[in-house]
PDB file of N, CA and C in Angstrom:
ATOM      1  N   MET A   1       0.826  -1.174   0.000  1.00  0.00           N
ATOM      2  CA  MET A   1       0.000   0.000   0.000  1.00  0.00           C
ATOM      3  C   MET A   1       0.882   1.254   0.000  1.00  0.00           C
ATOM      4  N   LEU A   2       1.939   1.193   0.774  1.00  0.00           N
ATOM      5  CA  LEU A   2       2.860   2.317   0.818  1.00  0.00           C
ATOM      6  C   LEU A   2       3.577   2.486  -0.527  1.00  0.00           C
ATOM      7  N   SER A   3       3.939   1.370  -1.176  1.00  0.00           N
ATOM      8  CA  SER A   3       4.619   1.447  -2.471  1.00  0.00           C
ATOM      9  C   SER A   3       3.693   2.012  -3.544  1.00  0.00           C
ATOM     10  N   GLU A   4       2.394   1.693  -3.456  1.00  0.00           N
ATOM     11  CA  GLU A   4       1.442   2.242  -4.423  1.00  0.00           C
ATOM     12  C   GLU A   4       1.335   3.753  -4.273  1.00  0.00           C
ATOM     13  N   ALA A   5       1.342   4.230  -3.028  1.00  0.00           N
ATOM     14  CA  ALA A   5       1.268   5.667  -2.778  1.00  0.00           C
ATOM     15  C   ALA A   5       2.516   6.365  -3.310  1.00  0.00           C
ATOM     16  N   ARG A   6       3.679   5.743  -3.125  1.00  0.00           N
ATOM     17  CA  ARG A   6       4.917   6.306  -3.645  1.00  0.00           C
ATOM     18  C   ARG A   6       4.873   6.381  -5.163  1.00  0.00           C
ATOM     19  N   ALA A   7       4.378   5.318  -5.787  1.00  0.00           N
ATOM     20  CA  ALA A   7       4.289   5.285  -7.242  1.00  0.00           C
ATOM     21  C   ALA A   7       3.368   6.383  -7.746  1.00  0.00           C
ATOM     22  N   ARG A   8       2.245   6.576  -7.051  1.00  0.00           N
ATOM     23  CA  ARG A   8       1.311   7.626  -7.457  1.00  0.00           C
ATOM     24  C   ARG A   8       1.926   9.011  -7.307  1.00  0.00           C
ATOM     25  N   LEU A   9       2.649   9.218  -6.210  1.00  0.00           N
ATOM     26  CA  LEU A   9       3.272  10.512  -5.983  1.00  0.00           C
ATOM     27  C   LEU A   9       4.436  10.765  -6.957  1.00  0.00           C
ATOM     28  N   ALA A  10       5.123   9.704  -7.329  1.00  0.00           N
ATOM     29  CA  ALA A  10       6.249   9.835  -8.256  1.00  0.00           C
ATOM     30  C   ALA A  10       5.779  10.035  -9.691  1.00  0.00           C
ATOM     31  N   ASN A  11       4.516   9.748  -9.953  1.00  0.00           N
ATOM     32  CA  ASN A  11       3.982   9.850 -11.302  1.00  0.00           C
ATOM     33  C   ASN A  11       3.611  11.301 -11.612  1.00  0.00           C
ATOM     34  N   THR A  12       4.645  12.156 -11.672  1.00  0.00           N
ATOM     35  CA  THR A  12       4.383  13.567 -11.955  1.00  0.00           C
ATOM     36  C   THR A  12       4.586  13.878 -13.433  1.00  0.00           C
ATOM     37  N   LYS A  13       5.283  12.995 -14.123  1.00  0.00           N
ATOM     38  CA  LYS A  13       5.519  13.204 -15.540  1.00  0.00           C
ATOM     39  C   LYS A  13       4.377  12.606 -16.348  1.00  0.00           C
ATOM     40  N   GLY A  14       4.162  13.170 -17.503  1.00  0.00           N
ATOM     41  CA  GLY A  14       3.140  12.632 -18.389  1.00  0.00           C
ATOM     42  C   GLY A  14       3.691  11.520 -19.264  1.00  0.00           C
ATOM     43  N   LYS A  15       2.832  10.998 -20.132  1.00  0.00           N
ATOM     44  CA  LYS A  15       3.233   9.898 -21.008  1.00  0.00           C
ATOM     45  C   LYS A  15       4.360  10.307 -21.948  1.00  0.00           C
ATOM     46  N   LYS A  16       4.229  11.502 -22.494  1.00  0.00           N
ATOM     47  CA  LYS A  16       5.210  11.966 -23.468  1.00  0.00           C
ATOM     48  C   LYS A  16       6.591  12.103 -22.822  1.00  0.00           C
ATOM     49  N   ALA A  17       6.657  12.675 -21.647  1.00  0.00           N
ATOM     50  CA  ALA A  17       7.928  12.864 -20.961  1.00  0.00           C
ATOM     51  C   ALA A  17       8.557  11.523 -20.587  1.00  0.00           C
ATOM     52  N   LYS A  18       7.696  10.572 -20.174  1.00  0.00           N
ATOM     53  CA  LYS A  18       8.218   9.240 -19.845  1.00  0.00           C
ATOM     54  C   LYS A  18       8.806   8.568 -21.080  1.00  0.00           C
ATOM     55  N   ARG A  19       8.096   8.695 -22.207  1.00  0.00           N
ATOM     56  CA  ARG A  19       8.571   8.070 -23.443  1.00  0.00           C
ATOM     57  C   ARG A  19       9.892   8.705 -23.883  1.00  0.00           C
ATOM     58  N   LYS A  20       9.986  10.033 -23.792  1.00  0.00           N
ATOM     59  CA  LYS A  20      11.227  10.716 -24.165  1.00  0.00           C
ATOM     60  C   LYS A  20      12.382  10.278 -23.270  1.00  0.00           C
ATOM     61  N   ALA A  21      12.121  10.163 -21.972  1.00  0.00           N
ATOM     62  CA  ALA A  21      13.168   9.733 -21.042  1.00  0.00           C
ATOM     63  C   ALA A  21      13.609   8.307 -21.356  1.00  0.00           C
ATOM     64  N   ARG A  22      12.639   7.443 -21.664  1.00  0.00           N
ATOM     65  CA  ARG A  22      12.957   6.047 -22.006  1.00  0.00           C
ATOM     66  C   ARG A  22      13.787   5.989 -23.292  1.00  0.00           C
ATOM     67  N   GLU A  23      13.390   6.767 -24.305  1.00  0.00           N
ATOM     68  CA  GLU A  23      14.137   6.787 -25.563  1.00  0.00           C
ATOM     69  C   GLU A  23      15.545   7.331 -25.358  1.00  0.00           C
ATOM     70  N   LYS A  24      15.661   8.350 -24.517  1.00  0.00           N
ATOM     71  CA  LYS A  24      16.970   8.930 -24.232  1.00  0.00           C
ATOM     72  C   LYS A  24      17.873   7.909 -23.545  1.00  0.00           C
ATOM     73  N   GLN A  25      17.290   7.161 -22.602  1.00  0.00           N
ATOM     74  CA  GLN A  25      18.048   6.146 -21.890  1.00  0.00           C
ATOM     75  C   GLN A  25      18.476   5.029 -22.848  1.00  0.00           C
ATOM     76  N   LEU A  26      17.583   4.627 -23.756  1.00  0.00           N
ATOM     77  CA  LEU A  26      17.923   3.592 -24.735  1.00  0.00           C
ATOM     78  C   LEU A  26      19.044   4.062 -25.669  1.00  0.00           C
ATOM     79  N   GLU A  27      18.959   5.298 -26.111  1.00  0.00           N
ATOM     80  CA  GLU A  27      19.989   5.848 -26.991  1.00  0.00           C
ATOM     81  C   GLU A  27      21.338   5.906 -26.285  1.00  0.00           C
ATOM     82  N   GLU A  28      21.323   6.301 -25.036  1.00  0.00           N
ATOM     83  CA  GLU A  28      22.555   6.358 -24.253  1.00  0.00           C
ATOM     84  C   GLU A  28      23.143   4.953 -24.079  1.00  0.00           C
ATOM     85  N   ALA A  29      22.281   3.972 -23.811  1.00  0.00           N
ATOM     86  CA  ALA A  29      22.745   2.589 -23.657  1.00  0.00           C
ATOM     87  C   ALA A  29      23.326   2.071 -24.970  1.00  0.00           C
ATOM     88  N   ARG A  30      22.700   2.411 -26.094  1.00  0.00           N
ATOM     89  CA  ARG A  30      23.189   1.987 -27.410  1.00  0.00           C
ATOM     90  C   ARG A  30      24.554   2.600 -27.696  1.00  0.00           C
ATOM     91  N   ARG A  31      24.693   3.888 -27.364  1.00  0.00           N
ATOM     92  CA  ARG A  31      25.956   4.582 -27.582  1.00  0.00           C
ATOM     93  C   ARG A  31      27.074   3.985 -26.729  1.00  0.00           C
ATOM     94  N   MET A  32      26.745   3.698 -25.467  1.00  0.00           N
ATOM     95  CA  MET A  32      27.746   3.116 -24.570  1.00  0.00           C
ATOM     96  C   MET A  32      28.155   1.715 -25.019  1.00  0.00           C
ATOM     97  N   ALA A  33      27.193   0.939 -25.532  1.00  0.00           N
ATOM     98  CA  ALA A  33      27.504  -0.410 -26.012  1.00  0.00           C
ATOM     99  C   ALA A  33      28.442  -0.344 -27.225  1.00  0.00           C
ATOM    100  N   ALA A  34      28.181   0.591 -28.128  1.00  0.00           N
ATOM    101  CA  ALA A  34      29.041   0.744 -29.301  1.00  0.00           C
ATOM    102  C   ALA A  34      30.445   1.179 -28.889  1.00  0.00           C
ATOM    103  N   LEU A  35      30.518   2.086 -27.912  1.00  0.00           N
ATOM    104  CA  LEU A  35      31.805   2.548 -27.423  1.00  0.00           C
ATOM    105  C   LEU A  35      32.584   1.399 -26.778  1.00  0.00           C
ATOM    106  N   GLN A  36      31.891   0.608 -25.977  1.00  0.00           N
ATOM    107  CA  GLN A  36      32.535  -0.537 -25.323  1.00  0.00           C
ATOM    108  C   GLN A  36      33.035  -1.541 -26.358  1.00  0.00           C
ATOM    109  N   LYS A  37      32.230  -1.778 -27.389  1.00  0.00           N
ATOM    110  CA  LYS A  37      32.626  -2.723 -28.439  1.00  0.00           C
ATOM    111  C   LYS A  37      33.874  -2.224 -29.151  1.00  0.00           C
ATOM    112  N   ARG A  38      33.919  -0.923 -29.483  1.00  0.00           N
ATOM    113  CA  ARG A  38      35.104  -0.363 -30.152  1.00  0.00           C
ATOM    114  C   ARG A  38      36.340  -0.490 -29.265  1.00  0.00           C
ATOM    115  N   ARG A  39      36.159  -0.242 -27.968  1.00  0.00           N
ATOM    116  CA  ARG A  39      37.298  -0.350 -27.041  1.00  0.00           C
ATOM    117  C   ARG A  39      37.814  -1.783 -26.972  1.00  0.00           C
ATOM    118  N   GLU A  40      36.894  -2.739 -26.902  1.00  0.00           N
ATOM    119  CA  GLU A  40      37.302  -4.143 -26.821  1.00  0.00           C
ATOM    120  C   GLU A  40      38.005  -4.591 -28.095  1.00  0.00           C
ATOM    121  N   LEU A  41      37.483  -4.174 -29.253  1.00  0.00           N
ATOM    122  CA  LEU A  41      38.119  -4.539 -30.517  1.00  0.00           C
ATOM    123  C   LEU A  41      39.495  -3.892 -30.637  1.00  0.00           C
ATOM    124  N   LYS A  42      39.619  -2.657 -30.162  1.00  0.00           N
ATOM    125  CA  LYS A  42      40.913  -1.979 -30.211  1.00  0.00           C
ATOM    126  C   LYS A  42      41.915  -2.679 -29.294  1.00  0.00           C
ATOM    127  N   ALA A  43      41.439  -3.110 -28.125  1.00  0.00           N
ATOM    128  CA  ALA A  43      42.314  -3.826 -27.192  1.00  0.00           C
ATOM    129  C   ALA A  43      42.755  -5.161 -27.778  1.00  0.00           C
ATOM    130  N   ALA A  44      41.900  -5.763 -28.608  1.00  0.00           N
ATOM    131  CA  ALA A  44      42.235  -7.037 -29.238  1.00  0.00           C
ATOM    132  C   ALA A  44      43.125  -6.846 -30.460  1.00  0.00           C
ATOM    133  N   GLY A  45      43.349  -5.595 -30.846  1.00  0.00           N
ATOM    134  CA  GLY A  45      44.223  -5.334 -31.986  1.00  0.00           C
ATOM    135  C   GLY A  45      43.483  -5.230 -33.308  1.00  0.00           C
ATOM    136  N   ILE A  46      42.190  -5.128 -33.256  1.00  0.00           N
ATOM    137  CA  ILE A  46      41.393  -5.015 -34.477  1.00  0.00           C
ATOM    138  C   ILE A  46      40.933  -3.573 -34.599  1.00  0.00           C
ATOM    139  N   GLU A  47      41.425  -2.894 -35.629  1.00  0.00           N
ATOM    140  CA  GLU A  47      41.051  -1.500 -35.840  1.00  0.00           C
ATOM    141  C   GLU A  47      39.791  -1.442 -36.689  1.00  0.00           C
ATOM    142  N   THR A  48      38.806  -0.747 -36.202  1.00  0.00           N
ATOM    143  CA  THR A  48      37.562  -0.588 -36.958  1.00  0.00           C
ATOM    144  C   THR A  48      37.234   0.894 -37.083  1.00  0.00           C
ATOM    145  N   GLY A  49      38.196   1.660 -37.565  1.00  0.00           N
ATOM    146  CA  GLY A  49      37.974   3.091 -37.716  1.00  0.00           C
ATOM    147  C   GLY A  49      36.906   3.367 -38.756  1.00  0.00           C
ATOM    148  N   LYS A  50      36.140   4.384 -38.511  1.00  0.00           N
ATOM    149  CA  LYS A  50      35.119   4.747 -39.484  1.00  0.00           C
ATOM    150  C   LYS A  50      35.805   5.325 -40.711  1.00  0.00           C
ATOM    151  N   ARG A  51      35.522   4.751 -41.851  1.00  0.00           N
ATOM    152  CA  ARG A  51      36.123   5.222 -43.091  1.00  0.00           C
ATOM    153  C   ARG A  51      35.262   6.316 -43.681  1.00  0.00           C
ATOM    154  N   LYS A  52      35.922   7.340 -44.142  1.00  0.00           N
ATOM    155  CA  LYS A  52      35.195   8.414 -44.796  1.00  0.00           C
ATOM    156  C   LYS A  52      34.904   7.999 -46.225  1.00  0.00           C
ATOM    157  N   ARG A  53      33.647   8.034 -46.581  1.00  0.00           N
ATOM    158  CA  ARG A  53      33.285   7.727 -47.953  1.00  0.00           C
ATOM    159  C   ARG A  53      33.439   8.983 -48.792  1.00  0.00           C
ATOM    160  N   LYS A  54      34.026   8.806 -49.953  1.00  0.00           N
ATOM    161  CA  LYS A  54      34.274   9.937 -50.828  1.00  0.00           C
ATOM    162  C   LYS A  54      33.016  10.242 -51.621  1.00  0.00           C
ATOM    163  N   ARG A  55      32.556  11.469 -51.522  1.00  0.00           N
ATOM    164  CA  ARG A  55      31.375  11.872 -52.272  1.00  0.00           C
ATOM    165  C   ARG A  55      31.803  12.437 -53.610  1.00  0.00           C
ATOM    166  N   ARG A  56      31.085  12.086 -54.633  1.00  0.00           N
ATOM    167  CA  ARG A  56      31.460  12.505 -55.979  1.00  0.00           C
ATOM    168  C   ARG A  56      31.029  13.927 -56.297  1.00  0.00           C
ATOM    169  N   ASP A  57      30.003  14.415 -55.645  1.00  0.00           N
ATOM    170  CA  ASP A  57      29.485  15.729 -55.990  1.00  0.00           C
ATOM    171  C   ASP A  57      30.227  16.865 -55.293  1.00  0.00           C
ATOM    172  N   ILE A  58      31.179  16.546 -54.429  1.00  0.00           N
ATOM    173  CA  ILE A  58      31.929  17.567 -53.712  1.00  0.00           C
ATOM    174  C   ILE A  58      33.364  17.584 -54.238  1.00  0.00           C
ATOM    175  N   VAL A  59      33.881  18.767 -54.536  1.00  0.00           N
ATOM    176  CA  VAL A  59      35.236  18.911 -55.047  1.00  0.00           C
ATOM    177  C   VAL A  59      36.196  18.935 -53.865  1.00  0.00           C
ATOM    178  N   ASP A  60      37.217  18.097 -53.916  1.00  0.00           N
ATOM    179  CA  ASP A  60      38.250  18.096 -52.885  1.00  0.00           C
ATOM    180  C   ASP A  60      39.339  19.064 -53.327  1.00  0.00           C
ATOM    181  N   TYR A  61      39.388  20.244 -52.700  1.00  0.00           N
ATOM    182  CA  TYR A  61      40.314  21.284 -53.121  1.00  0.00           C
ATOM    183  C   TYR A  61      41.767  20.949 -52.807  1.00  0.00           C
ATOM    184  N   ASN A  62      42.008  19.955 -51.967  1.00  0.00           N
ATOM    185  CA  ASN A  62      43.378  19.547 -51.673  1.00  0.00           C
ATOM    186  C   ASN A  62      43.947  18.659 -52.765  1.00  0.00           C
ATOM    187  N   GLU A  63      43.098  18.012 -53.531  1.00  0.00           N
ATOM    188  CA  GLU A  63      43.560  17.077 -54.548  1.00  0.00           C
ATOM    189  C   GLU A  63      43.571  17.667 -55.947  1.00  0.00           C
ATOM    190  N   GLU A  64      42.652  18.557 -56.254  1.00  0.00           N
ATOM    191  CA  GLU A  64      42.565  19.037 -57.620  1.00  0.00           C
ATOM    192  C   GLU A  64      42.330  20.546 -57.648  1.00  0.00           C
ATOM    193  N   VAL A  65      42.626  21.126 -58.772  1.00  0.00           N
ATOM    194  CA  VAL A  65      42.438  22.561 -58.956  1.00  0.00           C
ATOM    195  C   VAL A  65      41.027  22.764 -59.494  1.00  0.00           C
ATOM    196  N   PRO A  66      40.209  23.575 -58.813  1.00  0.00           N
ATOM    197  CA  PRO A  66      38.839  23.752 -59.290  1.00  0.00           C
ATOM    198  C   PRO A  66      38.792  24.555 -60.588  1.00  0.00           C
ATOM    199  N   PHE A  67      37.891  24.171 -61.442  1.00  0.00           N
ATOM    200  CA  PHE A  67      37.634  24.840 -62.723  1.00  0.00           C
ATOM    201  C   PHE A  67      38.858  24.891 -63.622  1.00  0.00           C
ATOM    202  N   GLN A  68      39.740  23.924 -63.507  1.00  0.00           N
ATOM    203  CA  GLN A  68      40.925  23.897 -64.351  1.00  0.00           C
ATOM    204  C   GLN A  68      40.562  23.304 -65.697  1.00  0.00           C
ATOM    205  N   LYS A  69      40.944  24.005 -66.746  1.00  0.00           N
ATOM    206  CA  LYS A  69      40.717  23.510 -68.097  1.00  0.00           C
ATOM    207  C   LYS A  69      42.066  23.458 -68.801  1.00  0.00           C
ATOM    208  N   PRO A  70      42.379  22.366 -69.455  1.00  0.00           N
ATOM    209  CA  PRO A  70      43.629  22.339 -70.210  1.00  0.00           C
ATOM    210  C   PRO A  70      43.513  23.258 -71.425  1.00  0.00           C
ATOM    211  N   ALA A  71      44.616  23.856 -71.820  1.00  0.00           N
ATOM    212  CA  ALA A  71      44.609  24.763 -72.962  1.00  0.00           C
ATOM    213  C   ALA A  71      44.311  23.969 -74.234  1.00  0.00           C
ATOM    214  N   PRO A  72      43.466  24.500 -75.101  1.00  0.00           N
ATOM    215  CA  PRO A  72      43.152  23.766 -76.326  1.00  0.00           C
ATOM    216  C   PRO A  72      44.344  23.760 -77.279  1.00  0.00           C
ATOM    217  N   LYS A  73      44.422  22.735 -78.079  1.00  0.00           N
ATOM    218  CA  LYS A  73      45.489  22.639 -79.065  1.00  0.00           C
ATOM    219  C   LYS A  73      45.297  23.726 -80.104  1.00  0.00           C
ATOM    220  N   GLY A  74      46.363  24.422 -80.419  1.00  0.00           N
ATOM    221  CA  GLY A  74      46.287  25.501 -81.397  1.00  0.00           C
ATOM    222  C   GLY A  74      46.609  24.993 -82.790  1.00  0.00           C
ATOM    223  N   MET A  75      46.495  25.889 -83.743  1.00  0.00           N
ATOM    224  CA  MET A  75      46.807  25.511 -85.125  1.00  0.00           C
ATOM    225  C   MET A  75      48.305  25.456 -85.339  1.00  0.00           C
ATOM    226  N   CYS A  76      49.057  26.311 -84.648  1.00  0.00           N
ATOM    227  CA  CYS A  76      50.495  26.388 -84.836  1.00  0.00           C
ATOM    228  C   CYS A  76      51.201  25.735 -83.652  1.00  0.00           C
ATOM    229  N   THR A  77      52.368  25.211 -83.933  1.00  0.00           N
ATOM    230  CA  THR A  77      53.186  24.668 -82.854  1.00  0.00           C
ATOM    231  C   THR A  77      54.145  25.753 -82.395  1.00  0.00           C
ATOM    232  N   CYS A  78      54.591  25.652 -81.195  1.00  0.00           N
ATOM    233  CA  CYS A  78      55.493  26.671 -80.658  1.00  0.00           C
ATOM    234  C   CYS A  78      56.886  26.091 -80.457  1.00  0.00           C
ATOM    235  N   GLN A  79      57.260  25.128 -81.289  1.00  0.00           N
ATOM    236  CA  GLN A  79      58.588  24.525 -81.153  1.00  0.00           C
ATOM    237  C   GLN A  79      59.687  25.535 -81.484  1.00  0.00           C
ATOM    238  N   ARG A  80      59.440  26.356 -82.503  1.00  0.00           N
ATOM    239  CA  ARG A  80      60.442  27.346 -82.893  1.00  0.00           C
ATOM    240  C   ARG A  80      60.640  28.355 -81.766  1.00  0.00           C
ATOM    241  N   GLU A  81      59.548  28.807 -81.166  1.00  0.00           N
ATOM    242  CA  GLU A  81      59.651  29.758 -80.067  1.00  0.00           C
ATOM    243  C   GLU A  81      60.389  29.150 -78.884  1.00  0.00           C
ATOM    244  N   ALA A  82      60.103  27.880 -78.597  1.00  0.00           N
ATOM    245  CA  ALA A  82      60.792  27.209 -77.497  1.00  0.00           C
ATOM    246  C   ALA A  82      62.274  27.084 -77.793  1.00  0.00           C
ATOM    247  N   PHE A  83      62.633  26.826 -79.048  1.00  0.00           N
ATOM    248  CA  PHE A  83      64.040  26.719 -79.443  1.00  0.00           C
ATOM    249  C   PHE A  83      64.740  28.063 -79.275  1.00  0.00           C
ATOM    250  N   VAL A  84      64.093  29.143 -79.747  1.00  0.00           N
ATOM    251  CA  VAL A  84      64.675  30.476 -79.637  1.00  0.00           C
ATOM    252  C   VAL A  84      64.839  30.863 -78.172  1.00  0.00           C
ATOM    253  N   LEU A  85      63.851  30.562 -77.362  1.00  0.00           N
ATOM    254  CA  LEU A  85      63.930  30.861 -75.937  1.00  0.00           C
ATOM    255  C   LEU A  85      65.065  30.088 -75.288  1.00  0.00           C
ATOM    256  N   GLY A  86      65.212  28.825 -75.661  1.00  0.00           N
ATOM    257  CA  GLY A  86      66.302  28.007 -75.127  1.00  0.00           C
ATOM    258  C   GLY A  86      67.659  28.559 -75.505  1.00  0.00           C
ATOM    259  N   VAL A  87      67.800  29.010 -76.761  1.00  0.00           N
ATOM    260  CA  VAL A  87      69.066  29.581 -77.224  1.00  0.00           C
ATOM    261  C   VAL A  87      69.362  30.864 -76.452  1.00  0.00           C
ATOM    262  N   CYS A  88      68.330  31.707 -76.259  1.00  0.00           N
ATOM    263  CA  CYS A  88      68.525  32.964 -75.516  1.00  0.00           C
ATOM    264  C   CYS A  88      68.930  32.687 -74.073  1.00  0.00           C
ATOM    265  N   MET A  89      68.300  31.714 -73.471  1.00  0.00           N
ATOM    266  CA  MET A  89      68.629  31.380 -72.075  1.00  0.00           C
ATOM    267  C   MET A  89      70.058  30.870 -71.976  1.00  0.00           C
ATOM    268  N   GLN A  90      70.495  30.086 -72.973  1.00  0.00           N
ATOM    269  CA  GLN A  90      71.847  29.578 -72.968  1.00  0.00           C
ATOM    270  C   GLN A  90      72.841  30.723 -73.128  1.00  0.00           C
ATOM    271  N   MET A  91      72.477  31.704 -73.964  1.00  0.00           N
ATOM    272  CA  MET A  91      73.368  32.851 -74.167  1.00  0.00           C
ATOM    273  C   MET A  91      73.472  33.676 -72.882  1.00  0.00           C
ATOM    274  N   VAL A  92      72.355  33.798 -72.150  1.00  0.00           N
ATOM    275  CA  VAL A  92      72.380  34.535 -70.878  1.00  0.00           C
ATOM    276  C   VAL A  92      73.245  33.794 -69.876  1.00  0.00           C
ATOM    277  N   LEU A  93      73.130  32.491 -69.854  1.00  0.00           N
ATOM    278  CA  LEU A  93      73.922  31.704 -68.902  1.00  0.00           C
ATOM    279  C   LEU A  93      75.420  31.757 -69.249  1.00  0.00           C
ATOM    280  N   ASP A  94      75.711  31.809 -70.535  1.00  0.00           N
ATOM    281  CA  ASP A  94      77.113  31.870 -70.956  1.00  0.00           C
ATOM    282  C   ASP A  94      77.703  33.266 -70.771  1.00  0.00           C
ATOM    283  N   GLY A  95      76.845  34.265 -70.628  1.00  0.00           N
ATOM    284  CA  GLY A  95      77.335  35.626 -70.421  1.00  0.00           C
ATOM    285  C   GLY A  95      77.417  36.410 -71.699  1.00  0.00           C
ATOM    286  N   ARG A  96      76.993  35.866 -72.800  1.00  0.00           N
ATOM    287  CA  ARG A  96      77.067  36.558 -74.080  1.00  0.00           C
ATOM    288  C   ARG A  96      75.943  37.574 -74.241  1.00  0.00           C
ATOM    289  N   LEU A  97      74.838  37.356 -73.529  1.00  0.00           N
ATOM    290  CA  LEU A  97      73.685  38.244 -73.648  1.00  0.00           C
ATOM    291  C   LEU A  97      73.322  38.725 -72.252  1.00  0.00           C
ATOM    292  N   SER A  98      73.202  40.035 -72.107  1.00  0.00           N
ATOM    293  CA  SER A  98      72.877  40.531 -70.766  1.00  0.00           C
ATOM    294  C   SER A  98      71.572  41.268 -70.729  1.00  0.00           C
TER     295      SER A  98
END
């Protein structure tokens, strides 16, 4: 009889609050179980790190240059210009051209 009175007096929360508290407790228990499992596996030497999945729609700025376009092939080649530039650079290095 005394326990029934205590239960009635302790019943100050409504159904919704009780359900939220129960769900919160379950979530906390689930989180703690996962943490314990990770700790035990780590102690056993088994690494189960969460792998980051690479998303295709996001640009990784550390790996690639955004909006980079290769230069289109032109009608003329620049081999002659490269040769002349090389000759000029050699002359500068030799001291003939200042």
